[in-house]
Amino acid sequence: MMIIASFIMFLNVTLLTILVPGGPIENRDFSRLTGAVFWGFNVFLISLGIMSFVTCYLLLISHPHAILISQVIAILYFIVYTIDLAGMFPKSPTKMSKPLMMLEIINTAMAVFLFIFVTAVNHIG
């Protein structure tokens, strides 16, 4: 079960990384964001990605705190995607493309699935 949880975490971080601004999917203009906000958000996303990879390993070795860390990361993924889908942050004059919107909906669902799965693993033991 922990291997599957690690794989689901890996899918979540992979889905996040393909949404890098300037990449094949994310093409919105964020030049209106101040430097501190832009870089602060990017540092947060990079940290989230790194912690996700670390948590993949922690799940594989069944670290005692891996489930709790996974739940927190799943919640953070959910928050990131829902505030973007709701148009709250980050603001851009460029409209979100349909492929980006679809991927963010899928990513939101994957974050919920990750949370439910690791919570179930925790209850099963």
Protein backbone atom coordinates (compact mmCIF):
# COMPACT_ATOMS: atom_id res chain seq x y z
CA MET A 1 0.00 0.00 0.00
CA MET A 2 2.85 2.40 0.77
CA ILE A 3 4.33 1.76 -2.68
CA ILE A 4 1.01 2.72 -4.25
CA ALA A 5 0.83 5.82 -2.03
CA SER A 6 4.35 6.76 -3.15
CA PHE A 7 3.34 6.31 -6.78
CA ILE A 8 0.25 8.52 -6.32
CA MET A 9 2.46 11.18 -4.71
CA PHE A 10 4.84 10.88 -7.66
CA LEU A 11 1.93 11.37 -10.08
CA ASN A 12 0.87 14.49 -8.19
CA VAL A 13 4.31 16.08 -8.33
CA THR A 14 4.71 15.12 -11.99
CA LEU A 15 1.38 16.77 -12.81
CA LEU A 16 2.57 19.88 -10.98
CA THR A 17 5.90 20.06 -12.80
CA ILE A 18 4.36 19.98 -16.28
CA LEU A 19 2.55 23.23 -15.42
CA VAL A 20 5.74 25.28 -15.22
CA PRO A 21 5.14 28.82 -16.53
CA GLY A 22 6.49 29.15 -20.05
CA GLY A 23 6.17 25.40 -20.55
CA PRO A 24 3.94 23.56 -22.98
CA ILE A 25 0.74 24.02 -20.95
CA GLU A 26 1.09 27.17 -18.81
CA ASN A 27 1.19 30.16 -21.15
CA ARG A 28 -0.34 32.94 -19.05
CA ASP A 29 1.41 36.25 -18.52
CA PHE A 30 2.42 36.87 -14.90
CA SER A 31 4.45 40.03 -15.56
CA ARG A 32 1.98 42.09 -13.49
CA LEU A 33 2.91 40.23 -10.31
CA THR A 34 5.48 42.01 -8.17
CA GLY A 35 8.88 40.36 -7.93
CA ALA A 36 8.37 39.35 -4.30
CA VAL A 37 4.97 37.76 -4.99
CA PHE A 38 6.16 36.02 -8.17
CA TRP A 39 9.32 34.62 -6.59
CA GLY A 40 7.61 33.85 -3.30
CA PHE A 41 5.01 31.76 -5.10
CA ASN A 42 7.67 30.05 -7.21
CA VAL A 43 9.75 29.23 -4.13
CA PHE A 44 6.62 27.78 -2.52
CA LEU A 45 5.89 25.62 -5.60
CA ILE A 46 9.51 24.47 -5.90
CA SER A 47 9.54 23.60 -2.18
CA LEU A 48 6.26 21.73 -2.58
CA GLY A 49 7.74 19.75 -5.46
CA ILE A 50 10.93 18.90 -3.57
CA MET A 51 8.99 17.89 -0.46
CA SER A 52 6.77 15.71 -2.64
CA PHE A 53 9.79 13.84 -3.99
CA VAL A 54 11.19 13.45 -0.47
CA THR A 55 7.80 12.19 0.70
CA CYS A 56 7.74 9.62 -2.11
CA TYR A 57 10.87 8.15 -0.54
CA LEU A 58 9.49 8.43 2.99
CA LEU A 59 6.41 6.50 1.89
CA LEU A 60 8.57 3.81 0.30
CA ILE A 61 10.49 3.27 3.53
CA SER A 62 7.28 3.53 5.61
CA HIS A 63 8.58 6.43 7.68
CA PRO A 64 6.32 7.02 10.71
CA HIS A 65 5.40 10.56 9.61
CA ALA A 66 5.04 9.86 5.87
CA ILE A 67 1.24 9.65 5.98
CA LEU A 68 0.83 12.93 7.86
CA ILE A 69 3.28 14.70 5.54
CA SER A 70 1.40 13.26 2.54
CA GLN A 71 -1.90 14.55 3.88
CA VAL A 72 -0.47 18.06 4.35
CA ILE A 73 1.03 18.02 0.85
CA ALA A 74 -2.28 16.83 -0.65
CA ILE A 75 -4.08 19.72 1.06
CA LEU A 76 -1.48 22.18 -0.27
CA TYR A 77 -1.91 20.82 -3.81
CA PHE A 78 -5.68 21.16 -3.46
CA ILE A 79 -5.36 24.77 -2.28
CA VAL A 80 -2.95 25.73 -5.08
CA TYR A 81 -5.20 24.35 -7.80
CA THR A 82 -8.51 25.57 -6.41
CA ILE A 83 -7.36 29.16 -5.89
CA ASP A 84 -6.04 29.18 -9.45
CA LEU A 85 -9.21 27.64 -10.88
CA ALA A 86 -11.29 30.14 -8.89
CA GLY A 87 -9.29 32.98 -10.45
CA MET A 88 -8.10 34.23 -7.08
CA PHE A 89 -4.34 33.78 -7.53
CA PRO A 90 -2.20 34.21 -9.54
CA LYS A 91 -3.89 36.96 -11.52
CA SER A 92 -3.07 37.20 -15.21
CA PRO A 93 -4.46 39.26 -18.07
CA THR A 94 -4.15 36.10 -20.18
CA LYS A 95 -7.12 33.76 -19.86
CA MET A 96 -6.48 30.21 -18.65
CA SER A 97 -6.38 27.87 -21.65
CA LYS A 98 -8.75 24.91 -21.87
CA PRO A 99 -5.91 22.33 -21.65
CA LEU A 100 -4.55 24.10 -18.55
CA MET A 101 -7.99 24.20 -16.97
CA MET A 102 -8.55 20.51 -17.67
CA LEU A 103 -5.16 19.59 -16.21
CA GLU A 104 -5.79 21.66 -13.12
CA ILE A 105 -9.16 19.96 -12.62
CA ILE A 106 -7.45 16.57 -12.97
CA ASN A 107 -4.68 17.68 -10.61
CA THR A 108 -7.24 18.84 -8.04
CA ALA A 109 -8.94 15.45 -8.24
CA MET A 110 -5.57 13.72 -7.86
CA ALA A 111 -4.83 15.78 -4.74
CA VAL A 112 -8.15 14.69 -3.23
CA PHE A 113 -7.45 11.09 -4.22
CA LEU A 114 -3.99 11.26 -2.62
CA PHE A 115 -5.47 12.57 0.63
CA ILE A 116 -8.20 9.91 0.72
CA PHE A 117 -5.78 7.10 -0.18
CA VAL A 118 -3.12 7.92 2.41
CA THR A 119 -5.81 8.49 5.05
CA ALA A 120 -7.25 5.04 4.27
CA VAL A 121 -3.75 3.51 4.43
CA ASN A 122 -3.30 5.12 7.82
CA HIS A 123 -6.56 3.65 9.13
CA ILE A 124 -5.83 0.19 7.70
CA GLY A 125 -2.41 0.21 9.32
